[in-house]
Amino acid sequence: MTADRVSVDLSGLDALASNLASVRSTMNATRSTLGYYHGQLGSAEIESALDDFEHDWSDGRRKIDENANKLATMASESARVLRQVDADLATNLTADPIRAPHPTDEGVRES
């Protein structure tokens, strides 16, 4: 960013939204991943500890999931809105300005 300009990494915002969605998906698959190894860990104590961890972790995971979802939505929406603002500015700055009538124009009288 320069002193007189604002710069936003729009593809960075898109990547953030995508990465958060991936984190949510991976995090939410934890139970199914742990369940895959059920009976293969060699110890009922280890399986019980993992089940306890998964059960206790579910409340925290739910909060993290909700916040990650909100942040991903905000990042994606921010990028979309900023792209639209940029397009609108480009259109308005490159359009022919509407010129107010001047008293010397044909058909315009001075008061």
C-alpha atoms as a PDB file:
ATOM      1  CA  MET A   1       0.000   0.000   0.000  1.00  0.00           C
ATOM      2  CA  THR A   2       1.285   3.433  -0.884  1.00  0.00           C
ATOM      3  CA  ALA A   3       0.531   6.543   1.113  1.00  0.00           C
ATOM      4  CA  ASP A   4      -2.383   7.575  -1.084  1.00  0.00           C
ATOM      5  CA  ARG A   5      -3.783   4.216  -2.200  1.00  0.00           C
ATOM      6  CA  VAL A   6      -5.508   1.240  -0.657  1.00  0.00           C
ATOM      7  CA  SER A   7      -4.471  -2.172  -1.887  1.00  0.00           C
ATOM      8  CA  VAL A   8      -6.248  -5.421  -1.100  1.00  0.00           C
ATOM      9  CA  ASP A   9      -5.030  -8.873  -2.110  1.00  0.00           C
ATOM     10  CA  LEU A  10      -8.315 -10.161  -3.540  1.00  0.00           C
ATOM     11  CA  SER A  11      -6.928 -13.533  -4.562  1.00  0.00           C
ATOM     12  CA  GLY A  12      -5.496 -13.771  -1.043  1.00  0.00           C
ATOM     13  CA  LEU A  13      -9.006 -13.281   0.362  1.00  0.00           C
ATOM     14  CA  ASP A  14     -10.306 -15.968  -2.006  1.00  0.00           C
ATOM     15  CA  ALA A  15      -7.502 -18.310  -0.932  1.00  0.00           C
ATOM     16  CA  LEU A  16      -8.252 -17.620   2.735  1.00  0.00           C
ATOM     17  CA  ALA A  17     -11.913 -18.525   2.214  1.00  0.00           C
ATOM     18  CA  SER A  18     -10.931 -21.707   0.380  1.00  0.00           C
ATOM     19  CA  ASN A  19      -8.360 -22.692   3.009  1.00  0.00           C
ATOM     20  CA  LEU A  20     -10.845 -22.145   5.827  1.00  0.00           C
ATOM     21  CA  ALA A  21     -13.387 -24.338   4.039  1.00  0.00           C
ATOM     22  CA  SER A  22     -10.730 -27.037   3.695  1.00  0.00           C
ATOM     23  CA  VAL A  23      -9.787 -26.757   7.379  1.00  0.00           C
ATOM     24  CA  ARG A  24     -13.462 -27.061   8.339  1.00  0.00           C
ATOM     25  CA  SER A  25     -13.906 -30.121   6.149  1.00  0.00           C
ATOM     26  CA  THR A  26     -10.803 -31.824   7.524  1.00  0.00           C
ATOM     27  CA  MET A  27     -11.641 -30.934  11.108  1.00  0.00           C
ATOM     28  CA  ASN A  28     -15.212 -32.177  10.754  1.00  0.00           C
ATOM     29  CA  ALA A  29     -13.976 -35.488   9.366  1.00  0.00           C
ATOM     30  CA  THR A  30     -12.045 -36.201  12.568  1.00  0.00           C
ATOM     31  CA  ARG A  31     -14.694 -38.542  13.976  1.00  0.00           C
ATOM     32  CA  SER A  32     -14.909 -40.577  10.796  1.00  0.00           C
ATOM     33  CA  THR A  33     -11.114 -40.713  10.605  1.00  0.00           C
ATOM     34  CA  LEU A  34     -10.827 -41.945  14.190  1.00  0.00           C
ATOM     35  CA  GLY A  35     -13.644 -44.416  13.609  1.00  0.00           C
ATOM     36  CA  TYR A  36     -11.712 -45.900  10.718  1.00  0.00           C
ATOM     37  CA  TYR A  37      -9.008 -47.059  13.141  1.00  0.00           C
ATOM     38  CA  HIS A  38     -11.439 -48.476  15.695  1.00  0.00           C
ATOM     39  CA  GLY A  39     -10.266 -51.928  16.705  1.00  0.00           C
ATOM     40  CA  GLN A  40      -6.865 -51.462  15.078  1.00  0.00           C
ATOM     41  CA  LEU A  41      -5.053 -49.490  17.762  1.00  0.00           C
ATOM     42  CA  GLY A  42      -4.104 -52.537  19.821  1.00  0.00           C
ATOM     43  CA  SER A  43      -5.430 -51.245  23.114  1.00  0.00           C
ATOM     44  CA  ALA A  44      -8.900 -50.605  24.486  1.00  0.00           C
ATOM     45  CA  GLU A  45      -7.395 -47.843  26.653  1.00  0.00           C
ATOM     46  CA  ILE A  46      -6.068 -45.984  23.619  1.00  0.00           C
ATOM     47  CA  GLU A  47      -9.408 -46.300  21.846  1.00  0.00           C
ATOM     48  CA  SER A  48     -11.229 -45.108  24.951  1.00  0.00           C
ATOM     49  CA  ALA A  49      -8.883 -42.133  25.268  1.00  0.00           C
ATOM     50  CA  LEU A  50      -9.482 -41.206  21.619  1.00  0.00           C
ATOM     51  CA  ASP A  51     -13.250 -41.545  22.082  1.00  0.00           C
ATOM     52  CA  ASP A  52     -13.081 -39.307  25.164  1.00  0.00           C
ATOM     53  CA  PHE A  53     -10.991 -36.770  23.286  1.00  0.00           C
ATOM     54  CA  GLU A  54     -13.408 -36.762  20.355  1.00  0.00           C
ATOM     55  CA  HIS A  55     -16.413 -36.364  22.640  1.00  0.00           C
ATOM     56  CA  ASP A  56     -14.873 -33.516  24.677  1.00  0.00           C
ATOM     57  CA  TRP A  57     -13.499 -31.833  21.580  1.00  0.00           C
ATOM     58  CA  SER A  58     -16.878 -31.711  19.814  1.00  0.00           C
ATOM     59  CA  ASP A  59     -18.049 -28.523  21.623  1.00  0.00           C
ATOM     60  CA  GLY A  60     -14.834 -26.677  20.851  1.00  0.00           C
ATOM     61  CA  ARG A  61     -14.816 -27.975  17.294  1.00  0.00           C
ATOM     62  CA  ARG A  62     -18.381 -26.736  16.784  1.00  0.00           C
ATOM     63  CA  LYS A  63     -17.351 -23.216  17.873  1.00  0.00           C
ATOM     64  CA  ILE A  64     -14.264 -23.276  15.673  1.00  0.00           C
ATOM     65  CA  ASP A  65     -16.355 -24.551  12.758  1.00  0.00           C
ATOM     66  CA  GLU A  66     -18.928 -21.770  13.169  1.00  0.00           C
ATOM     67  CA  ASN A  67     -16.262 -19.069  13.361  1.00  0.00           C
ATOM     68  CA  ALA A  68     -14.261 -20.492  10.452  1.00  0.00           C
ATOM     69  CA  ASN A  69     -17.442 -20.576   8.379  1.00  0.00           C
ATOM     70  CA  LYS A  70     -18.257 -16.950   9.246  1.00  0.00           C
ATOM     71  CA  LEU A  71     -14.705 -15.833   8.470  1.00  0.00           C
ATOM     72  CA  ALA A  72     -14.648 -17.729   5.166  1.00  0.00           C
ATOM     73  CA  THR A  73     -17.955 -16.117   4.193  1.00  0.00           C
ATOM     74  CA  MET A  74     -16.679 -12.651   5.138  1.00  0.00           C
ATOM     75  CA  ALA A  75     -13.452 -13.117   3.165  1.00  0.00           C
ATOM     76  CA  SER A  76     -15.283 -14.363   0.090  1.00  0.00           C
ATOM     77  CA  GLU A  77     -17.954 -11.648   0.282  1.00  0.00           C
ATOM     78  CA  SER A  78     -15.317  -8.946   0.842  1.00  0.00           C
ATOM     79  CA  ALA A  79     -13.430 -10.034  -2.265  1.00  0.00           C
ATOM     80  CA  ARG A  80     -16.654 -10.065  -4.298  1.00  0.00           C
ATOM     81  CA  VAL A  81     -17.739  -6.605  -3.111  1.00  0.00           C
ATOM     82  CA  LEU A  82     -14.281  -5.092  -3.585  1.00  0.00           C
ATOM     83  CA  ARG A  83     -14.110  -6.453  -7.134  1.00  0.00           C
ATOM     84  CA  GLN A  84     -17.488  -4.846  -7.838  1.00  0.00           C
ATOM     85  CA  VAL A  85     -16.354  -1.529  -6.325  1.00  0.00           C
ATOM     86  CA  ASP A  86     -13.217  -1.665  -8.456  1.00  0.00           C
ATOM     87  CA  ALA A  87     -15.253  -2.365 -11.600  1.00  0.00           C
ATOM     88  CA  ASP A  88     -17.715   0.424 -10.767  1.00  0.00           C
ATOM     89  CA  LEU A  89     -14.890   2.889 -10.162  1.00  0.00           C
ATOM     90  CA  ALA A  90     -13.183   1.905 -13.401  1.00  0.00           C
ATOM     91  CA  THR A  91     -16.438   2.391 -15.300  1.00  0.00           C
ATOM     92  CA  ASN A  92     -17.164   5.757 -13.723  1.00  0.00           C
ATOM     93  CA  LEU A  93     -13.615   7.051 -14.046  1.00  0.00           C
ATOM     94  CA  THR A  94     -13.302   6.134 -17.712  1.00  0.00           C
ATOM     95  CA  ALA A  95     -16.787   7.233 -18.807  1.00  0.00           C
ATOM     96  CA  ASP A  96     -17.273  10.539 -20.576  1.00  0.00           C
ATOM     97  CA  PRO A  97     -18.188  13.085 -17.954  1.00  0.00           C
ATOM     98  CA  ILE A  98     -21.585  14.704 -18.250  1.00  0.00           C
ATOM     99  CA  ARG A  99     -20.875  18.335 -19.013  1.00  0.00           C
ATOM    100  CA  ALA A 100     -23.148  20.958 -17.530  1.00  0.00           C
ATOM    101  CA  PRO A 101     -24.513  23.397 -20.109  1.00  0.00           C
ATOM    102  CA  HIS A 102     -22.425  26.517 -20.483  1.00  0.00           C
ATOM    103  CA  PRO A 103     -24.070  29.936 -21.092  1.00  0.00           C
ATOM    104  CA  THR A 104     -22.344  30.176 -24.477  1.00  0.00           C
ATOM    105  CA  ASP A 105     -23.862  26.867 -25.652  1.00  0.00           C
ATOM    106  CA  GLU A 106     -26.478  27.146 -28.378  1.00  0.00           C
ATOM    107  CA  GLY A 107     -29.962  27.481 -26.909  1.00  0.00           C
ATOM    108  CA  VAL A 108     -28.786  28.378 -23.412  1.00  0.00           C
ATOM    109  CA  ARG A 109     -29.615  31.862 -22.188  1.00  0.00           C
ATOM    110  CA  GLU A 110     -27.888  33.818 -19.512  1.00  0.00           C
ATOM    111  CA  SER A 111     -30.140  34.977 -16.699  1.00  0.00           C
END
